[in-house]
Amino acid sequence: MLKFPAPFANAIFVCTNKRPDGHPKPCCADRGGLKLRDELKNMVREKGLESQLRVFQSGCLGGCERGVMAVKYPAGELMMDLKQEDLQKILDEATGD
């Protein structure tokens, strides 16, 4: 195993989990998780903040009933019911603006 410092200070994982059709629980994929992940990732790229923040997709983070989920590291914050209007605030908080 190789270990080395990560080339970024913060990471946000946005759930893009897709449950099978007909599953009794909702999923972030059907609620726009992938679109939100892509938009946040593009915002980071456009502002040249890749050394401060990386955006990744994740599997299920639990709490599916509460809308699209995301988790921020190293802060360890779980964000629920993520919407497009939340993305700028998330970016500002993660980069110290």
PDB file of N, CA and C in Angstrom:
ATOM      1  N   MET A   1       0.842  -1.175   0.000  1.00  0.00           N
ATOM      2  CA  MET A   1       0.000   0.000   0.000  1.00  0.00           C
ATOM      3  C   MET A   1       0.887   1.237   0.000  1.00  0.00           C
ATOM      4  N   LEU A   2       0.520   2.197  -0.827  1.00  0.00           N
ATOM      5  CA  LEU A   2       1.196   3.486  -0.863  1.00  0.00           C
ATOM      6  C   LEU A   2       0.302   4.522  -0.201  1.00  0.00           C
ATOM      7  N   LYS A   3       0.913   5.424   0.559  1.00  0.00           N
ATOM      8  CA  LYS A   3       0.158   6.513   1.175  1.00  0.00           C
ATOM      9  C   LYS A   3       0.860   7.820   0.861  1.00  0.00           C
ATOM     10  N   PHE A   4       0.080   8.831   0.573  1.00  0.00           N
ATOM     11  CA  PHE A   4       0.632  10.151   0.330  1.00  0.00           C
ATOM     12  C   PHE A   4      -0.474  11.170   0.571  1.00  0.00           C
ATOM     13  N   PRO A   5      -0.121  12.423   0.801  1.00  0.00           N
ATOM     14  CA  PRO A   5      -1.140  13.449   1.068  1.00  0.00           C
ATOM     15  C   PRO A   5      -2.056  13.633  -0.136  1.00  0.00           C
ATOM     16  N   ALA A   6      -3.319  13.816   0.144  1.00  0.00           N
ATOM     17  CA  ALA A   6      -4.293  14.064  -0.923  1.00  0.00           C
ATOM     18  C   ALA A   6      -4.015  15.431  -1.549  1.00  0.00           C
ATOM     19  N   PRO A   7      -4.205  15.557  -2.853  1.00  0.00           N
ATOM     20  CA  PRO A   7      -3.940  16.835  -3.520  1.00  0.00           C
ATOM     21  C   PRO A   7      -5.087  17.840  -3.392  1.00  0.00           C
ATOM     22  N   PHE A   8      -5.920  17.679  -2.376  1.00  0.00           N
ATOM     23  CA  PHE A   8      -7.042  18.585  -2.129  1.00  0.00           C
ATOM     24  C   PHE A   8      -7.339  18.552  -0.637  1.00  0.00           C
ATOM     25  N   ALA A   9      -7.878  19.648  -0.117  1.00  0.00           N
ATOM     26  CA  ALA A   9      -8.130  19.762   1.323  1.00  0.00           C
ATOM     27  C   ALA A   9      -9.498  19.235   1.746  1.00  0.00           C
ATOM     28  N   ASN A  10     -10.484  19.338   0.873  1.00  0.00           N
ATOM     29  CA  ASN A  10     -11.853  18.952   1.199  1.00  0.00           C
ATOM     30  C   ASN A  10     -12.430  18.072   0.097  1.00  0.00           C
ATOM     31  N   ALA A  11     -13.382  17.237   0.479  1.00  0.00           N
ATOM     32  CA  ALA A  11     -14.070  16.385  -0.487  1.00  0.00           C
ATOM     33  C   ALA A  11     -15.557  16.365  -0.151  1.00  0.00           C
ATOM     34  N   ILE A  12     -16.360  16.384  -1.188  1.00  0.00           N
ATOM     35  CA  ILE A  12     -17.802  16.235  -1.031  1.00  0.00           C
ATOM     36  C   ILE A  12     -18.235  15.049  -1.870  1.00  0.00           C
ATOM     37  N   PHE A  13     -18.944  14.139  -1.233  1.00  0.00           N
ATOM     38  CA  PHE A  13     -19.479  12.961  -1.904  1.00  0.00           C
ATOM     39  C   PHE A  13     -20.994  13.141  -2.023  1.00  0.00           C
ATOM     40  N   VAL A  14     -21.489  13.188  -3.246  1.00  0.00           N
ATOM     41  CA  VAL A  14     -22.922  13.348  -3.497  1.00  0.00           C
ATOM     42  C   VAL A  14     -23.476  11.988  -3.900  1.00  0.00           C
ATOM     43  N   CYS A  15     -24.528  11.585  -3.228  1.00  0.00           N
ATOM     44  CA  CYS A  15     -25.132  10.287  -3.525  1.00  0.00           C
ATOM     45  C   CYS A  15     -25.765  10.303  -4.911  1.00  0.00           C
ATOM     46  N   THR A  16     -25.429   9.289  -5.694  1.00  0.00           N
ATOM     47  CA  THR A  16     -26.035   9.090  -7.012  1.00  0.00           C
ATOM     48  C   THR A  16     -26.611   7.674  -7.114  1.00  0.00           C
ATOM     49  N   ASN A  17     -26.871   7.077  -5.962  1.00  0.00           N
ATOM     50  CA  ASN A  17     -27.362   5.702  -5.913  1.00  0.00           C
ATOM     51  C   ASN A  17     -28.684   5.550  -6.659  1.00  0.00           C
ATOM     52  N   LYS A  18     -28.786   4.480  -7.436  1.00  0.00           N
ATOM     53  CA  LYS A  18     -30.010   4.164  -8.182  1.00  0.00           C
ATOM     54  C   LYS A  18     -30.570   2.845  -7.684  1.00  0.00           C
ATOM     55  N   ARG A  19     -31.758   2.901  -7.126  1.00  0.00           N
ATOM     56  CA  ARG A  19     -32.440   1.677  -6.692  1.00  0.00           C
ATOM     57  C   ARG A  19     -33.196   1.076  -7.879  1.00  0.00           C
ATOM     58  N   PRO A  20     -33.456  -0.225  -7.822  1.00  0.00           N
ATOM     59  CA  PRO A  20     -34.232  -0.850  -8.905  1.00  0.00           C
ATOM     60  C   PRO A  20     -35.634  -0.246  -9.014  1.00  0.00           C
ATOM     61  N   ASP A  21     -36.153  -0.186 -10.216  1.00  0.00           N
ATOM     62  CA  ASP A  21     -37.523   0.293 -10.413  1.00  0.00           C
ATOM     63  C   ASP A  21     -38.471  -0.520  -9.547  1.00  0.00           C
ATOM     64  N   GLY A  22     -39.424   0.155  -8.924  1.00  0.00           N
ATOM     65  CA  GLY A  22     -40.400  -0.509  -8.071  1.00  0.00           C
ATOM     66  C   GLY A  22     -39.938  -0.682  -6.630  1.00  0.00           C
ATOM     67  N   HIS A  23     -38.712  -0.286  -6.311  1.00  0.00           N
ATOM     68  CA  HIS A  23     -38.219  -0.400  -4.935  1.00  0.00           C
ATOM     69  C   HIS A  23     -39.051   0.512  -4.040  1.00  0.00           C
ATOM     70  N   PRO A  24     -39.381   0.064  -2.815  1.00  0.00           N
ATOM     71  CA  PRO A  24     -40.241   0.874  -1.946  1.00  0.00           C
ATOM     72  C   PRO A  24     -39.582   2.159  -1.428  1.00  0.00           C
ATOM     73  N   LYS A  25     -38.253   2.229  -1.426  1.00  0.00           N
ATOM     74  CA  LYS A  25     -37.580   3.438  -0.937  1.00  0.00           C
ATOM     75  C   LYS A  25     -37.163   4.310  -2.121  1.00  0.00           C
ATOM     76  N   PRO A  26     -37.185   5.626  -1.936  1.00  0.00           N
ATOM     77  CA  PRO A  26     -36.708   6.514  -2.999  1.00  0.00           C
ATOM     78  C   PRO A  26     -35.184   6.434  -3.122  1.00  0.00           C
ATOM     79  N   CYS A  27     -34.645   7.035  -4.174  1.00  0.00           N
ATOM     80  CA  CYS A  27     -33.185   7.059  -4.327  1.00  0.00           C
ATOM     81  C   CYS A  27     -32.742   8.418  -4.852  1.00  0.00           C
ATOM     82  N   CYS A  28     -31.492   8.739  -4.574  1.00  0.00           N
ATOM     83  CA  CYS A  28     -30.934  10.032  -4.974  1.00  0.00           C
ATOM     84  C   CYS A  28     -30.815  10.165  -6.486  1.00  0.00           C
ATOM     85  N   ALA A  29     -30.582   9.072  -7.193  1.00  0.00           N
ATOM     86  CA  ALA A  29     -30.484   9.140  -8.652  1.00  0.00           C
ATOM     87  C   ALA A  29     -31.788   9.672  -9.247  1.00  0.00           C
ATOM     88  N   ASP A  30     -32.913   9.203  -8.754  1.00  0.00           N
ATOM     89  CA  ASP A  30     -34.207   9.629  -9.276  1.00  0.00           C
ATOM     90  C   ASP A  30     -34.575  11.045  -8.827  1.00  0.00           C
ATOM     91  N   ARG A  31     -33.848  11.573  -7.850  1.00  0.00           N
ATOM     92  CA  ARG A  31     -34.128  12.912  -7.329  1.00  0.00           C
ATOM     93  C   ARG A  31     -33.104  13.948  -7.806  1.00  0.00           C
ATOM     94  N   GLY A  32     -32.261  13.564  -8.752  1.00  0.00           N
ATOM     95  CA  GLY A  32     -31.336  14.532  -9.340  1.00  0.00           C
ATOM     96  C   GLY A  32     -29.941  14.549  -8.760  1.00  0.00           C
ATOM     97  N   GLY A  33     -29.546  13.499  -8.055  1.00  0.00           N
ATOM     98  CA  GLY A  33     -28.221  13.451  -7.431  1.00  0.00           C
ATOM     99  C   GLY A  33     -27.078  13.591  -8.428  1.00  0.00           C
ATOM    100  N   LEU A  34     -27.170  12.920  -9.559  1.00  0.00           N
ATOM    101  CA  LEU A  34     -26.096  12.995 -10.545  1.00  0.00           C
ATOM    102  C   LEU A  34     -25.986  14.400 -11.131  1.00  0.00           C
ATOM    103  N   LYS A  35     -27.111  15.028 -11.423  1.00  0.00           N
ATOM    104  CA  LYS A  35     -27.095  16.391 -11.961  1.00  0.00           C
ATOM    105  C   LYS A  35     -26.481  17.355 -10.949  1.00  0.00           C
ATOM    106  N   LEU A  36     -26.841  17.233  -9.674  1.00  0.00           N
ATOM    107  CA  LEU A  36     -26.279  18.098  -8.648  1.00  0.00           C
ATOM    108  C   LEU A  36     -24.776  17.876  -8.487  1.00  0.00           C
ATOM    109  N   ARG A  37     -24.354  16.607  -8.517  1.00  0.00           N
ATOM    110  CA  ARG A  37     -22.916  16.302  -8.446  1.00  0.00           C
ATOM    111  C   ARG A  37     -22.182  16.934  -9.614  1.00  0.00           C
ATOM    112  N   ASP A  38     -22.714  16.769 -10.819  1.00  0.00           N
ATOM    113  CA  ASP A  38     -22.071  17.326 -12.006  1.00  0.00           C
ATOM    114  C   ASP A  38     -22.000  18.851 -11.944  1.00  0.00           C
ATOM    115  N   GLU A  39     -23.065  19.479 -11.500  1.00  0.00           N
ATOM    116  CA  GLU A  39     -23.077  20.942 -11.424  1.00  0.00           C
ATOM    117  C   GLU A  39     -22.067  21.459 -10.399  1.00  0.00           C
ATOM    118  N   LEU A  40     -22.013  20.828  -9.230  1.00  0.00           N
ATOM    119  CA  LEU A  40     -21.048  21.245  -8.213  1.00  0.00           C
ATOM    120  C   LEU A  40     -19.620  21.020  -8.702  1.00  0.00           C
ATOM    121  N   LYS A  41     -19.394  19.908  -9.349  1.00  0.00           N
ATOM    122  CA  LYS A  41     -18.073  19.602  -9.907  1.00  0.00           C
ATOM    123  C   LYS A  41     -17.664  20.653 -10.949  1.00  0.00           C
ATOM    124  N   ASN A  42     -18.600  21.052 -11.803  1.00  0.00           N
ATOM    125  CA  ASN A  42     -18.319  22.087 -12.797  1.00  0.00           C
ATOM    126  C   ASN A  42     -18.032  23.432 -12.143  1.00  0.00           C
ATOM    127  N   MET A  43     -18.740  23.767 -11.079  1.00  0.00           N
ATOM    128  CA  MET A  43     -18.494  25.023 -10.365  1.00  0.00           C
ATOM    129  C   MET A  43     -17.079  25.045  -9.806  1.00  0.00           C
ATOM    130  N   VAL A  44     -16.640  23.934  -9.241  1.00  0.00           N
ATOM    131  CA  VAL A  44     -15.285  23.831  -8.698  1.00  0.00           C
ATOM    132  C   VAL A  44     -14.262  24.025  -9.817  1.00  0.00           C
ATOM    133  N   ARG A  45     -14.474  23.361 -10.925  1.00  0.00           N
ATOM    134  CA  ARG A  45     -13.555  23.443 -12.068  1.00  0.00           C
ATOM    135  C   ARG A  45     -13.499  24.867 -12.622  1.00  0.00           C
ATOM    136  N   GLU A  46     -14.664  25.482 -12.815  1.00  0.00           N
ATOM    137  CA  GLU A  46     -14.733  26.831 -13.380  1.00  0.00           C
ATOM    138  C   GLU A  46     -14.020  27.864 -12.512  1.00  0.00           C
ATOM    139  N   LYS A  47     -14.051  27.665 -11.196  1.00  0.00           N
ATOM    140  CA  LYS A  47     -13.409  28.606 -10.279  1.00  0.00           C
ATOM    141  C   LYS A  47     -11.961  28.232  -9.976  1.00  0.00           C
ATOM    142  N   GLY A  48     -11.475  27.126 -10.568  1.00  0.00           N
ATOM    143  CA  GLY A  48     -10.090  26.710 -10.357  1.00  0.00           C
ATOM    144  C   GLY A  48      -9.794  26.283  -8.932  1.00  0.00           C
ATOM    145  N   LEU A  49     -10.744  25.620  -8.308  1.00  0.00           N
ATOM    146  CA  LEU A  49     -10.616  25.259  -6.890  1.00  0.00           C
ATOM    147  C   LEU A  49     -10.287  23.786  -6.662  1.00  0.00           C
ATOM    148  N   GLU A  50      -9.793  23.096  -7.684  1.00  0.00           N
ATOM    149  CA  GLU A  50      -9.541  21.658  -7.559  1.00  0.00           C
ATOM    150  C   GLU A  50      -8.550  21.314  -6.451  1.00  0.00           C
ATOM    151  N   SER A  51      -7.640  22.230  -6.100  1.00  0.00           N
ATOM    152  CA  SER A  51      -6.687  21.940  -5.023  1.00  0.00           C
ATOM    153  C   SER A  51      -7.321  22.111  -3.642  1.00  0.00           C
ATOM    154  N   GLN A  52      -8.483  22.760  -3.591  1.00  0.00           N
ATOM    155  CA  GLN A  52      -9.175  22.961  -2.322  1.00  0.00           C
ATOM    156  C   GLN A  52     -10.344  21.998  -2.117  1.00  0.00           C
ATOM    157  N   LEU A  53     -10.974  21.600  -3.211  1.00  0.00           N
ATOM    158  CA  LEU A  53     -12.189  20.795  -3.099  1.00  0.00           C
ATOM    159  C   LEU A  53     -12.333  19.863  -4.292  1.00  0.00           C
ATOM    160  N   ARG A  54     -12.670  18.624  -4.001  1.00  0.00           N
ATOM    161  CA  ARG A  54     -13.008  17.646  -5.043  1.00  0.00           C
ATOM    162  C   ARG A  54     -14.414  17.144  -4.780  1.00  0.00           C
ATOM    163  N   VAL A  55     -15.126  16.887  -5.849  1.00  0.00           N
ATOM    164  CA  VAL A  55     -16.503  16.410  -5.760  1.00  0.00           C
ATOM    165  C   VAL A  55     -16.557  15.026  -6.381  1.00  0.00           C
ATOM    166  N   PHE A  56     -17.119  14.095  -5.633  1.00  0.00           N
ATOM    167  CA  PHE A  56     -17.209  12.704  -6.061  1.00  0.00           C
ATOM    168  C   PHE A  56     -18.652  12.231  -5.956  1.00  0.00           C
ATOM    169  N   GLN A  57     -18.978  11.153  -6.646  1.00  0.00           N
ATOM    170  CA  GLN A  57     -20.264  10.509  -6.449  1.00  0.00           C
ATOM    171  C   GLN A  57     -20.090   9.403  -5.426  1.00  0.00           C
ATOM    172  N   SER A  58     -21.176   9.069  -4.764  1.00  0.00           N
ATOM    173  CA  SER A  58     -21.122   7.982  -3.789  1.00  0.00           C
ATOM    174  C   SER A  58     -22.333   7.085  -3.964  1.00  0.00           C
ATOM    175  N   GLY A  59     -22.264   5.951  -3.309  1.00  0.00           N
ATOM    176  CA  GLY A  59     -23.423   5.093  -3.183  1.00  0.00           C
ATOM    177  C   GLY A  59     -24.318   5.644  -2.088  1.00  0.00           C
ATOM    178  N   CYS A  60     -25.252   4.843  -1.656  1.00  0.00           N
ATOM    179  CA  CYS A  60     -26.249   5.273  -0.681  1.00  0.00           C
ATOM    180  C   CYS A  60     -25.598   5.741   0.622  1.00  0.00           C
ATOM    181  N   LEU A  61     -26.039   6.911   1.075  1.00  0.00           N
ATOM    182  CA  LEU A  61     -25.565   7.473   2.341  1.00  0.00           C
ATOM    183  C   LEU A  61     -26.613   7.332   3.436  1.00  0.00           C
ATOM    184  N   GLY A  62     -27.739   6.677   3.140  1.00  0.00           N
ATOM    185  CA  GLY A  62     -28.820   6.540   4.112  1.00  0.00           C
ATOM    186  C   GLY A  62     -29.673   7.807   4.120  1.00  0.00           C
ATOM    187  N   GLY A  63     -30.827   7.729   4.711  1.00  0.00           N
ATOM    188  CA  GLY A  63     -31.700   8.892   4.789  1.00  0.00           C
ATOM    189  C   GLY A  63     -32.374   9.240   3.483  1.00  0.00           C
ATOM    190  N   CYS A  64     -32.586   8.257   2.652  1.00  0.00           N
ATOM    191  CA  CYS A  64     -33.116   8.480   1.305  1.00  0.00           C
ATOM    192  C   CYS A  64     -34.444   9.239   1.308  1.00  0.00           C
ATOM    193  N   GLU A  65     -35.205   9.104   2.350  1.00  0.00           N
ATOM    194  CA  GLU A  65     -36.502   9.772   2.430  1.00  0.00           C
ATOM    195  C   GLU A  65     -36.361  11.279   2.526  1.00  0.00           C
ATOM    196  N   ARG A  66     -35.167  11.767   2.836  1.00  0.00           N
ATOM    197  CA  ARG A  66     -34.939  13.202   3.041  1.00  0.00           C
ATOM    198  C   ARG A  66     -34.336  13.891   1.825  1.00  0.00           C
ATOM    199  N   GLY A  67     -34.432  13.309   0.674  1.00  0.00           N
ATOM    200  CA  GLY A  67     -33.935  13.937  -0.545  1.00  0.00           C
ATOM    201  C   GLY A  67     -32.493  13.569  -0.828  1.00  0.00           C
ATOM    202  N   VAL A  68     -31.901  14.251  -1.805  1.00  0.00           N
ATOM    203  CA  VAL A  68     -30.522  13.960  -2.202  1.00  0.00           C
ATOM    204  C   VAL A  68     -29.591  14.215  -1.018  1.00  0.00           C
ATOM    205  N   MET A  69     -28.684  13.274  -0.804  1.00  0.00           N
ATOM    206  CA  MET A  69     -27.762  13.331   0.327  1.00  0.00           C
ATOM    207  C   MET A  69     -26.348  13.611  -0.166  1.00  0.00           C
ATOM    208  N   ALA A  70     -25.552  14.250   0.698  1.00  0.00           N
ATOM    209  CA  ALA A  70     -24.129  14.465   0.418  1.00  0.00           C
ATOM    210  C   ALA A  70     -23.404  14.486   1.751  1.00  0.00           C
ATOM    211  N   VAL A  71     -22.114  14.195   1.716  1.00  0.00           N
ATOM    212  CA  VAL A  71     -21.298  14.247   2.928  1.00  0.00           C
ATOM    213  C   VAL A  71     -20.015  14.996   2.601  1.00  0.00           C
ATOM    214  N   LYS A  72     -19.591  15.838   3.541  1.00  0.00           N
ATOM    215  CA  LYS A  72     -18.407  16.681   3.361  1.00  0.00           C
ATOM    216  C   LYS A  72     -17.312  16.216   4.315  1.00  0.00           C
ATOM    217  N   TYR A  73     -16.122  16.015   3.756  1.00  0.00           N
ATOM    218  CA  TYR A  73     -14.946  15.638   4.548  1.00  0.00           C
ATOM    219  C   TYR A  73     -13.858  16.666   4.355  1.00  0.00           C
ATOM    220  N   PRO A  74     -13.037  16.964   5.343  1.00  0.00           N
ATOM    221  CA  PRO A  74     -12.923  16.271   6.625  1.00  0.00           C
ATOM    222  C   PRO A  74     -13.913  16.730   7.688  1.00  0.00           C
ATOM    223  N   ALA A  75     -14.804  17.675   7.355  1.00  0.00           N
ATOM    224  CA  ALA A  75     -15.751  18.183   8.345  1.00  0.00           C
ATOM    225  C   ALA A  75     -16.694  17.103   8.869  1.00  0.00           C
ATOM    226  N   GLY A  76     -16.969  16.080   8.059  1.00  0.00           N
ATOM    227  CA  GLY A  76     -17.862  15.012   8.487  1.00  0.00           C
ATOM    228  C   GLY A  76     -19.312  15.456   8.568  1.00  0.00           C
ATOM    229  N   GLU A  77     -19.716  16.398   7.729  1.00  0.00           N
ATOM    230  CA  GLU A  77     -21.088  16.894   7.732  1.00  0.00           C
ATOM    231  C   GLU A  77     -21.932  16.143   6.720  1.00  0.00           C
ATOM    232  N   LEU A  78     -23.086  15.682   7.182  1.00  0.00           N
ATOM    233  CA  LEU A  78     -24.045  15.020   6.312  1.00  0.00           C
ATOM    234  C   LEU A  78     -25.089  16.054   5.908  1.00  0.00           C
ATOM    235  N   MET A  79     -25.267  16.239   4.618  1.00  0.00           N
ATOM    236  CA  MET A  79     -26.231  17.212   4.113  1.00  0.00           C
ATOM    237  C   MET A  79     -27.398  16.457   3.499  1.00  0.00           C
ATOM    238  N   MET A  80     -28.611  16.853   3.877  1.00  0.00           N
ATOM    239  CA  MET A  80     -29.820  16.193   3.406  1.00  0.00           C
ATOM    240  C   MET A  80     -30.657  17.163   2.590  1.00  0.00           C
ATOM    241  N   ASP A  81     -31.457  16.618   1.690  1.00  0.00           N
ATOM    242  CA  ASP A  81     -32.372  17.402   0.865  1.00  0.00           C
ATOM    243  C   ASP A  81     -31.618  18.462   0.065  1.00  0.00           C
ATOM    244  N   LEU A  82     -30.502  18.048  -0.512  1.00  0.00           N
ATOM    245  CA  LEU A  82     -29.651  18.931  -1.306  1.00  0.00           C
ATOM    246  C   LEU A  82     -30.386  19.403  -2.556  1.00  0.00           C
ATOM    247  N   LYS A  83     -30.307  20.712  -2.806  1.00  0.00           N
ATOM    248  CA  LYS A  83     -30.947  21.304  -3.971  1.00  0.00           C
ATOM    249  C   LYS A  83     -29.950  22.197  -4.691  1.00  0.00           C
ATOM    250  N   GLN A  84     -30.266  22.557  -5.930  1.00  0.00           N
ATOM    251  CA  GLN A  84     -29.378  23.378  -6.748  1.00  0.00           C
ATOM    252  C   GLN A  84     -29.031  24.681  -6.034  1.00  0.00           C
ATOM    253  N   GLU A  85     -29.986  25.297  -5.378  1.00  0.00           N
ATOM    254  CA  GLU A  85     -29.731  26.577  -4.707  1.00  0.00           C
ATOM    255  C   GLU A  85     -28.785  26.457  -3.506  1.00  0.00           C
ATOM    256  N   ASP A  86     -28.472  25.242  -3.071  1.00  0.00           N
ATOM    257  CA  ASP A  86     -27.536  25.023  -1.967  1.00  0.00           C
ATOM    258  C   ASP A  86     -26.083  24.949  -2.429  1.00  0.00           C
ATOM    259  N   LEU A  87     -25.850  24.755  -3.709  1.00  0.00           N
ATOM    260  CA  LEU A  87     -24.503  24.449  -4.192  1.00  0.00           C
ATOM    261  C   LEU A  87     -23.499  25.573  -3.958  1.00  0.00           C
ATOM    262  N   GLN A  88     -23.881  26.820  -4.188  1.00  0.00           N
ATOM    263  CA  GLN A  88     -22.934  27.922  -3.976  1.00  0.00           C
ATOM    264  C   GLN A  88     -22.545  28.026  -2.512  1.00  0.00           C
ATOM    265  N   LYS A  89     -23.488  27.853  -1.606  1.00  0.00           N
ATOM    266  CA  LYS A  89     -23.186  27.909  -0.171  1.00  0.00           C
ATOM    267  C   LYS A  89     -22.230  26.766   0.216  1.00  0.00           C
ATOM    268  N   ILE A  90     -22.466  25.592  -0.312  1.00  0.00           N
ATOM    269  CA  ILE A  90     -21.593  24.452  -0.032  1.00  0.00           C
ATOM    270  C   ILE A  90     -20.180  24.744  -0.528  1.00  0.00           C
ATOM    271  N   LEU A  91     -20.091  25.295  -1.717  1.00  0.00           N
ATOM    272  CA  LEU A  91     -18.782  25.645  -2.289  1.00  0.00           C
ATOM    273  C   LEU A  91     -18.087  26.698  -1.428  1.00  0.00           C
ATOM    274  N   ASP A  92     -18.804  27.732  -1.028  1.00  0.00           N
ATOM    275  CA  ASP A  92     -18.229  28.787  -0.199  1.00  0.00           C
ATOM    276  C   ASP A  92     -17.740  28.245   1.143  1.00  0.00           C
ATOM    277  N   GLU A  93     -18.524  27.403   1.787  1.00  0.00           N
ATOM    278  CA  GLU A  93     -18.145  26.834   3.083  1.00  0.00           C
ATOM    279  C   GLU A  93     -16.923  25.939   2.963  1.00  0.00           C
ATOM    280  N   ALA A  94     -16.869  25.152   1.908  1.00  0.00           N
ATOM    281  CA  ALA A  94     -15.779  24.193   1.749  1.00  0.00           C
ATOM    282  C   ALA A  94     -14.458  24.863   1.390  1.00  0.00           C
ATOM    283  N   THR A  95     -14.527  26.054   0.802  1.00  0.00           N
ATOM    284  CA  THR A  95     -13.305  26.747   0.388  1.00  0.00           C
ATOM    285  C   THR A  95     -12.983  27.934   1.274  1.00  0.00           C
ATOM    286  N   GLY A  96     -13.787  28.150   2.318  1.00  0.00           N
ATOM    287  CA  GLY A  96     -13.516  29.222   3.273  1.00  0.00           C
ATOM    288  C   GLY A  96     -13.889  30.602   2.788  1.00  0.00           C
ATOM    289  N   ASP A  97     -14.725  30.702   1.776  1.00  0.00           N
ATOM    290  CA  ASP A  97     -15.163  32.021   1.287  1.00  0.00           C
ATOM    291  C   ASP A  97     -16.342  32.539   2.073  1.00  0.00           C
TER     292      ASP A  97
END
